[in-house]
Structures are given as structure tokens and as C-alpha cells.
Amino acid sequence: MGPLKNSLFEPVEKEIVLVEEGIEAVADVEYAWLAELLNYIVVSGGKRVRPALTLLSGKIDGHFDLEVIIPVAIGIELLHTATLVHDDTIDLSSRRRGKPTAASVWGGGIATLAGDYLFSKSAQMVSRANSVRADRLFAETLMALCTGELEQSFTSHSENQDRQTYFRIIGNKTAALFSMATEAGAVVTGAAEEAVLALRDYGYNLGMAFQIVDDILDFTADEKELGKPVASDLLQGNLTLPSIMLKERQPDDNPIRAIFENRDRERKLALAIEMIRNSEIVPACYRVAQDFTARACEALKIFPESPSKRALFELADYLIDRQQ
């Protein structure tokens, strides 16, 4: 994802600074070796989309309280960061955002424990809101994240992966955390129930679109832009929407089986990328993503006009514009 326009987060730009400071403070610990490890992980150049969603959701229909919402926003970003550490470790990924992963620097065991530490720290931050509902939401989201990762692991390298499986996996692995970000922002600021549910729907559908666009870019961007190898999911045996559409459109004449069976893998991977890029698959995938962003924006219609509402609308539009 390219640099976000400053205007998108303008309604919460001061609060985002506080979130950033809180994230950096996670590495302020007694042990130098732990501080070095945590600092390497949390100061990672992330776009902070999820905490921004929490802040914008808290402002749109709640009684904004910095002491309550800032720790929750920090906790949500730490939860996201922890999942990336574990994902990289499980997938044996060598790079993330253009730099070596924690697992490739310190080893898988230490990286896993660092991820566990961040999961615990994120729960501690969310608990500062003193909201049983937010705590339960955190636990449910973590279960969804793990369920998505487990299903992806159990179904990898299988040609039976289909759209239903894909949507279920990204619903758990990505959309659940977006949904938590927006729902928690509303919950801890005392928003009305109708607003809580609307923001939950917005976050879920935005998260679905976000992941679909990421999966498109995995085929259409170059390695420098991605900060990881092109078509990395397909290399790991996971079919995303572009490769599923390729399989649907050319069931008997595609290179996926050969890639999964490690036959002439490099040439077959290049062929898969070329087939996806030089077809109607990419536009078709963007149309699916646009359907999700349309649902996200529809959920916002219950709210009166405000800077936060406009920012949430613009974020949905910008997400699709990442194809440019």
C-alpha cells in the first residue's frame, strides 16, 4: 500500500501521534535484548490504518475520551503487528516491508515468543478501557485470526481452494481485525448500539476489500513495491482471488498444479503471473473489491455529516485507487 494521503487521517492526526508514541513505548523495557527485539518489530513503517479506524469510529458517534481510546488503538495495532510476526514465522518469509523479518534475524522460536509477548501487551492495552465488551471482542478477534491462519495452513497446496474458502479465510485473517478496530472504537466511547453495528459492518467490508486489493497487488506490483517476492501467496501454496479466477477460467490449462507439485516452478510461476496480468482477471478482482467498499460506505449512511465520516468514505475510495 502506497503512502496514505494526509487528509485521510486529518480528523485524528493529533491522536495518531499519541498512538505512535505509545507503540514506540512498548520497546521501553528493562532488558536491552528484549528492547532491541521489540523496537525492531514495532518501529516497522506501518501505515497505522487500524488504529486510525478506531479513532475515527470513536469520533463519529461517541463521547471521545483520549484516556480510553488511545490505549485501545495502540492495542489493536500491536495485535496486528503480532499476527504479522507469527505469519512470517509460519510462512518462513524472509522479508516484510522491505526488511528482514524478525524470524530471519533472530530465528523462529524467538520470533514466536516475541509475537506472544505482543499479543499479551495488546490485550493489556485494550483492558485499560475497562470494557468487558471490548475485552470479549479482543478474544473473539484473536480466535478468528487463529482460525483463519489454521484453515489456510490446512488447505494450502490444494487445488480445491475456492472462492468460498478464500472469503472465509480473509474474513477471519483480515476483515475480523478491521471490524474489531471500528467496533471497539464505537464501544469504548459509548456510541449507540445502531452505530456500533454499523461501524462493525463498515470495518468488516473495508477489511475484505483491503485484502482483495492486497492480493491483486501481489501479482501486479513489483518486488520493490511489495517488499516481498511477487506472487508470494501462490509460492506458499495459497490461492487468492486472482489465482482462483485463473483456475475458474482455465481449469485445464493453468500452471497452478505444476507450481504446487514443484515442477518447473520458476517458469510456471512466471507464466501464472503473466496470465493474470494479461487478462480480465485483475479488473474482475477490483470489481469484487468495489462491491465490498460499496457495502462499507452504505453502512455509514446512518451517520450525520462530519470530518470523521468523510475520512472513512475517502479511505474506502483510496483503497480501490491503489490500482493506479
Protein backbone atom coordinates (compact mmCIF):
# COMPACT_ATOMS: atom_id res chain seq x y z
CA MET A 1 0.00 0.00 0.00
CA GLY A 2 1.45 3.34 -1.02
CA PRO A 3 1.72 6.39 1.21
CA LEU A 4 -1.63 7.49 2.57
CA LYS A 5 -2.84 10.98 1.79
CA ASN A 6 -2.55 13.16 4.87
CA SER A 7 -6.16 14.28 4.51
CA LEU A 8 -7.46 10.78 5.19
CA PHE A 9 -6.45 10.86 8.84
CA GLU A 10 -6.71 14.62 9.33
CA PRO A 11 -9.60 14.42 11.86
CA VAL A 12 -7.40 12.28 14.16
CA GLU A 13 -3.88 13.36 13.18
CA LYS A 14 -3.04 14.58 16.71
CA GLU A 15 -4.30 11.35 18.24
CA ILE A 16 -2.33 9.25 15.74
CA VAL A 17 0.83 10.89 17.08
CA LEU A 18 -0.10 9.72 20.57
CA VAL A 19 -0.72 6.21 19.26
CA GLU A 20 2.67 6.20 17.55
CA GLU A 21 4.35 7.30 20.78
CA GLY A 22 2.53 4.53 22.66
CA ILE A 23 3.63 1.92 20.14
CA GLU A 24 7.25 3.03 20.39
CA ALA A 25 7.00 2.93 24.20
CA VAL A 26 6.33 -0.82 24.03
CA ALA A 27 10.07 -1.25 23.45
CA ASP A 28 10.90 0.72 26.61
CA VAL A 29 11.58 -2.31 28.78
CA GLU A 30 14.17 -3.27 31.37
CA TYR A 31 16.10 -5.81 29.30
CA ALA A 32 18.27 -4.48 26.48
CA TRP A 33 17.94 -7.65 24.39
CA LEU A 34 14.14 -7.50 24.59
CA ALA A 35 14.13 -3.77 23.86
CA GLU A 36 16.18 -4.32 20.71
CA LEU A 37 13.87 -7.09 19.51
CA LEU A 38 10.66 -5.18 20.22
CA ASN A 39 11.96 -1.97 18.72
CA TYR A 40 12.90 -3.82 15.53
CA ILE A 41 9.37 -5.20 15.26
CA VAL A 42 7.14 -2.29 16.27
CA VAL A 43 9.04 0.53 14.54
CA SER A 44 8.24 -1.00 11.18
CA GLY A 45 6.87 1.76 9.00
CA GLY A 46 3.29 0.51 9.09
CA LYS A 47 0.53 2.82 7.86
CA ARG A 48 -1.41 2.61 11.17
CA VAL A 49 -4.68 2.15 9.28
CA ARG A 50 -6.30 0.06 12.01
CA PRO A 51 -5.71 2.45 14.94
CA ALA A 52 -6.83 5.32 12.71
CA LEU A 53 -10.07 3.42 12.09
CA THR A 54 -10.54 3.04 15.84
CA LEU A 55 -10.03 6.77 16.40
CA LEU A 56 -12.29 7.83 13.52
CA SER A 57 -15.01 5.43 14.69
CA GLY A 58 -14.74 6.79 18.21
CA LYS A 59 -15.20 10.34 16.96
CA ILE A 60 -18.06 9.70 14.58
CA ASP A 61 -20.76 8.93 17.15
CA GLY A 62 -19.24 8.68 20.62
CA HIS A 63 -18.02 10.68 23.58
CA PHE A 64 -14.36 10.83 22.63
CA ASP A 65 -12.13 10.18 25.65
CA LEU A 66 -8.40 10.10 24.96
CA GLU A 67 -7.56 8.14 28.10
CA VAL A 68 -9.87 5.35 26.98
CA ILE A 69 -9.48 5.20 23.22
CA ILE A 70 -5.73 5.75 22.77
CA PRO A 71 -4.74 2.54 24.64
CA VAL A 72 -7.34 0.60 22.65
CA ALA A 73 -5.98 1.96 19.36
CA ILE A 74 -2.45 1.04 20.44
CA GLY A 75 -3.61 -2.44 21.44
CA ILE A 76 -5.24 -3.04 18.07
CA GLU A 77 -2.08 -2.09 16.18
CA LEU A 78 0.01 -4.33 18.45
CA LEU A 79 -2.41 -7.19 17.79
CA HIS A 80 -1.95 -6.64 14.06
CA THR A 81 1.83 -6.50 14.46
CA ALA A 82 1.87 -9.72 16.47
CA THR A 83 -0.07 -11.53 13.75
CA LEU A 84 2.46 -10.39 11.15
CA VAL A 85 5.33 -11.73 13.25
CA HIS A 86 3.62 -15.10 13.57
CA ASP A 87 2.58 -15.17 9.90
CA ASP A 88 6.14 -14.50 8.78
CA THR A 89 7.43 -17.21 11.08
CA ILE A 90 4.88 -19.80 9.91
CA ASP A 91 5.39 -18.92 6.24
CA LEU A 92 9.20 -18.83 6.55
CA SER A 93 9.09 -15.34 5.00
CA SER A 94 12.45 -13.65 4.68
CA ARG A 95 11.28 -10.05 4.22
CA ARG A 96 8.46 -7.80 5.42
CA ARG A 97 8.06 -4.19 4.31
CA GLY A 98 11.41 -4.34 2.58
CA LYS A 99 13.49 -5.51 5.54
CA PRO A 100 14.37 -8.91 7.04
CA THR A 101 11.66 -10.44 9.21
CA ALA A 102 12.22 -10.97 12.92
CA ALA A 103 12.27 -14.73 12.30
CA SER A 104 15.04 -14.44 9.72
CA VAL A 105 17.13 -12.28 12.09
CA TRP A 106 16.53 -13.95 15.48
CA GLY A 107 15.12 -17.34 14.48
CA GLY A 108 11.61 -18.76 14.53
CA GLY A 109 11.50 -19.63 18.22
CA ILE A 110 12.39 -16.14 19.42
CA ALA A 111 10.11 -14.52 16.84
CA THR A 112 7.19 -16.68 18.01
CA LEU A 113 7.77 -15.68 21.63
CA ALA A 114 8.04 -12.03 20.60
CA GLY A 115 4.69 -12.35 18.87
CA ASP A 116 3.23 -13.92 22.02
CA TYR A 117 4.62 -11.03 24.05
CA LEU A 118 2.92 -8.54 21.74
CA PHE A 119 -0.38 -10.45 21.91
CA SER A 120 -0.23 -10.15 25.70
CA LYS A 121 0.72 -6.49 25.56
CA SER A 122 -2.11 -5.74 23.14
CA ALA A 123 -4.62 -7.40 25.49
CA GLN A 124 -3.24 -5.37 28.38
CA MET A 125 -3.69 -2.12 26.41
CA VAL A 126 -7.28 -2.92 25.40
CA SER A 127 -8.13 -3.81 29.01
CA ARG A 128 -7.34 -0.23 30.05
CA ALA A 129 -10.71 0.81 28.65
CA ASN A 130 -12.37 -1.19 31.47
CA SER A 131 -14.90 -2.56 28.97
CA VAL A 132 -15.95 -6.19 29.25
CA ARG A 133 -17.40 -5.97 25.75
CA ALA A 134 -14.12 -4.71 24.31
CA ASP A 135 -12.21 -7.46 26.12
CA ARG A 136 -14.59 -10.09 24.74
CA LEU A 137 -14.27 -8.58 21.27
CA PHE A 138 -10.48 -8.81 21.55
CA ALA A 139 -10.68 -12.50 22.48
CA GLU A 140 -13.14 -13.29 19.68
CA THR A 141 -10.97 -11.47 17.15
CA LEU A 142 -7.86 -13.34 18.22
CA MET A 143 -9.73 -16.63 17.83
CA ALA A 144 -10.87 -15.56 14.36
CA LEU A 145 -7.31 -14.64 13.37
CA CYS A 146 -6.02 -18.03 14.51
CA THR A 147 -8.90 -19.86 12.80
CA GLY A 148 -8.11 -18.13 9.52
CA GLU A 149 -4.43 -18.95 9.77
CA LEU A 150 -5.18 -22.58 10.66
CA GLU A 151 -7.63 -23.02 7.79
CA GLN A 152 -5.11 -21.53 5.38
CA SER A 153 -2.49 -23.97 6.65
CA PHE A 154 -4.81 -26.99 6.35
CA THR A 155 -5.93 -26.08 2.83
CA SER A 156 -2.59 -24.94 1.36
CA HIS A 157 -1.27 -26.64 -1.80
CA SER A 158 -4.77 -27.91 -2.56
CA GLU A 159 -6.41 -27.16 -5.89
CA ASN A 160 -9.76 -27.43 -4.11
CA GLN A 161 -9.32 -23.95 -2.66
CA ASP A 162 -12.27 -21.93 -3.99
CA ARG A 163 -13.89 -18.53 -3.53
CA GLN A 164 -15.90 -19.65 -0.52
CA THR A 165 -12.76 -20.88 1.23
CA TYR A 166 -10.87 -17.72 0.26
CA PHE A 167 -13.56 -15.34 1.53
CA ARG A 168 -13.84 -17.28 4.78
CA ILE A 169 -10.07 -17.15 5.34
CA ILE A 170 -9.67 -13.44 4.63
CA GLY A 171 -12.81 -12.75 6.66
CA ASN A 172 -11.02 -14.25 9.65
CA LYS A 173 -7.44 -13.21 8.91
CA THR A 174 -8.02 -9.61 7.81
CA ALA A 175 -11.61 -8.38 8.00
CA ALA A 176 -12.07 -9.51 11.61
CA LEU A 177 -9.32 -7.15 12.77
CA PHE A 178 -10.67 -4.23 10.72
CA SER A 179 -14.09 -4.95 12.19
CA MET A 180 -12.66 -5.02 15.70
CA ALA A 181 -10.91 -1.69 15.08
CA THR A 182 -14.11 0.11 14.12
CA GLU A 183 -16.43 -1.69 16.55
CA ALA A 184 -14.10 -1.22 19.53
CA GLY A 185 -13.76 2.49 18.77
CA ALA A 186 -17.52 2.83 18.97
CA VAL A 187 -17.95 0.57 22.01
CA VAL A 188 -15.39 2.22 24.29
CA THR A 189 -16.64 5.73 23.51
CA GLY A 190 -20.23 4.88 24.39
CA ALA A 191 -21.77 5.02 20.92
CA ALA A 192 -25.37 3.90 20.42
CA GLU A 193 -25.88 0.23 19.52
CA GLU A 194 -27.04 1.09 15.99
CA ALA A 195 -23.79 2.99 15.48
CA VAL A 196 -21.70 0.13 16.89
CA LEU A 197 -23.24 -2.37 14.48
CA ALA A 198 -22.94 -0.01 11.51
CA LEU A 199 -19.27 0.61 12.20
CA ARG A 200 -18.66 -3.10 12.66
CA ASP A 201 -20.17 -3.71 9.19
CA TYR A 202 -18.11 -0.89 7.72
CA GLY A 203 -14.89 -2.31 9.16
CA TYR A 204 -15.60 -5.87 8.05
CA ASN A 205 -16.39 -4.92 4.46
CA LEU A 206 -13.48 -2.50 4.27
CA GLY A 207 -11.17 -5.26 5.52
CA MET A 208 -12.43 -7.67 2.87
CA ALA A 209 -11.78 -5.11 0.14
CA PHE A 210 -8.40 -4.22 1.61
CA GLN A 211 -7.21 -7.83 1.47
CA ILE A 212 -8.53 -8.41 -2.05
CA VAL A 213 -6.63 -5.35 -3.29
CA ASP A 214 -3.51 -6.56 -1.48
CA ASP A 215 -3.88 -9.91 -3.20
CA ILE A 216 -4.24 -8.22 -6.59
CA LEU A 217 -1.11 -6.15 -5.95
CA ASP A 218 0.72 -9.37 -5.05
CA PHE A 219 0.54 -10.15 -8.79
CA THR A 220 0.60 -6.69 -10.38
CA ALA A 221 3.21 -4.79 -8.33
CA ASP A 222 6.95 -5.43 -8.40
CA GLU A 223 9.06 -6.86 -5.58
CA LYS A 224 10.43 -3.45 -4.56
CA GLU A 225 6.92 -2.03 -4.13
CA LEU A 226 5.69 -5.10 -2.26
CA GLY A 227 8.73 -5.50 -0.01
CA LYS A 228 8.46 -9.27 -0.63
CA PRO A 229 8.53 -11.64 -3.63
CA VAL A 230 5.81 -11.25 -6.29
CA ALA A 231 3.05 -13.90 -6.07
CA SER A 232 4.34 -14.95 -2.66
CA ASP A 233 0.98 -16.47 -1.64
CA LEU A 234 0.92 -18.75 -4.68
CA LEU A 235 4.51 -19.77 -3.95
CA GLN A 236 3.38 -20.78 -0.44
CA GLY A 237 0.52 -22.85 -1.82
CA ASN A 238 -2.28 -20.41 -1.10
CA LEU A 239 -4.81 -19.45 -3.77
CA THR A 240 -6.04 -15.87 -3.56
CA LEU A 241 -8.79 -14.33 -5.68
CA PRO A 242 -6.65 -13.68 -8.80
CA SER A 243 -5.30 -17.24 -8.93
CA ILE A 244 -8.74 -18.68 -8.09
CA MET A 245 -10.20 -16.76 -11.03
CA LEU A 246 -7.41 -18.09 -13.24
CA LYS A 247 -8.29 -21.64 -12.17
CA GLU A 248 -12.02 -20.97 -12.74
CA ARG A 249 -11.49 -19.56 -16.23
CA GLN A 250 -8.90 -22.08 -17.39
CA PRO A 251 -9.45 -25.20 -15.28
CA ASP A 252 -7.40 -27.49 -17.54
CA ASP A 253 -4.81 -25.06 -18.84
CA ASN A 254 -3.17 -23.22 -15.95
CA PRO A 255 0.19 -23.65 -14.21
CA ILE A 256 -1.11 -23.90 -10.64
CA ARG A 257 -0.87 -27.68 -10.27
CA ALA A 258 2.71 -27.65 -11.56
CA ILE A 259 3.62 -24.90 -9.07
CA PHE A 260 2.07 -26.88 -6.20
CA GLU A 261 3.91 -30.02 -7.33
CA ASN A 262 7.18 -28.10 -7.68
CA ARG A 263 7.51 -28.95 -11.39
CA ASP A 264 9.41 -26.33 -13.38
CA ARG A 265 8.30 -23.98 -10.65
CA GLU A 266 10.07 -20.77 -11.62
CA ARG A 267 8.86 -20.83 -15.22
CA LYS A 268 5.33 -21.85 -14.24
CA LEU A 269 5.12 -19.07 -11.66
CA ALA A 270 6.19 -16.51 -14.27
CA LEU A 271 3.53 -17.93 -16.58
CA ALA A 272 0.82 -17.63 -13.90
CA ILE A 273 1.77 -14.00 -13.25
CA GLU A 274 1.69 -13.25 -16.98
CA MET A 275 -1.68 -14.96 -17.45
CA ILE A 276 -3.24 -12.99 -14.61
CA ARG A 277 -1.75 -9.66 -15.63
CA ASN A 278 -2.68 -10.04 -19.32
CA SER A 279 -6.33 -10.93 -18.84
CA GLU A 280 -9.59 -9.56 -17.48
CA ILE A 281 -8.86 -11.17 -14.10
CA VAL A 282 -7.38 -8.06 -12.50
CA PRO A 283 -10.33 -5.78 -13.40
CA ALA A 284 -12.74 -8.51 -12.28
CA CYS A 285 -10.99 -8.74 -8.90
CA TYR A 286 -11.20 -4.98 -8.47
CA ARG A 287 -14.93 -5.15 -9.14
CA VAL A 288 -15.29 -7.65 -6.30
CA ALA A 289 -13.32 -5.31 -4.02
CA GLN A 290 -15.53 -2.39 -5.09
CA ASP A 291 -18.63 -4.38 -4.11
CA PHE A 292 -17.23 -4.68 -0.59
CA THR A 293 -16.31 -0.98 -0.35
CA ALA A 294 -19.82 -0.09 -1.55
CA ARG A 295 -21.25 -2.15 1.32
CA ALA A 296 -18.84 -0.46 3.72
CA CYS A 297 -19.95 3.02 2.62
CA GLU A 298 -23.61 2.01 2.75
CA ALA A 299 -23.19 1.22 6.45
CA LEU A 300 -22.05 4.81 7.12
CA LYS A 301 -25.25 6.37 5.82
CA ILE A 302 -26.87 6.38 9.25
CA PHE A 303 -24.35 8.97 10.49
CA PRO A 304 -24.68 12.74 10.05
CA GLU A 305 -22.01 14.52 8.03
CA SER A 306 -18.76 15.03 9.91
CA PRO A 307 -15.00 15.12 9.23
CA SER A 308 -14.69 11.55 10.56
CA LYS A 309 -17.43 10.24 8.28
CA ARG A 310 -15.85 11.91 5.26
CA ALA A 311 -12.47 10.40 6.18
CA LEU A 312 -13.99 6.91 6.38
CA PHE A 313 -15.63 7.38 2.97
CA GLU A 314 -12.37 8.66 1.48
CA LEU A 315 -10.43 5.75 2.93
CA ALA A 316 -12.72 3.31 1.13
CA ASP A 317 -12.25 5.20 -2.14
CA TYR A 318 -8.48 5.41 -1.68
CA LEU A 319 -8.25 1.70 -1.05
CA ILE A 320 -9.58 0.96 -4.53
CA ASP A 321 -7.41 3.67 -6.05
CA ARG A 322 -4.32 1.66 -5.08
CA GLN A 323 -4.60 0.12 -8.55
CA GLN A 324 -3.31 3.40 -10.06
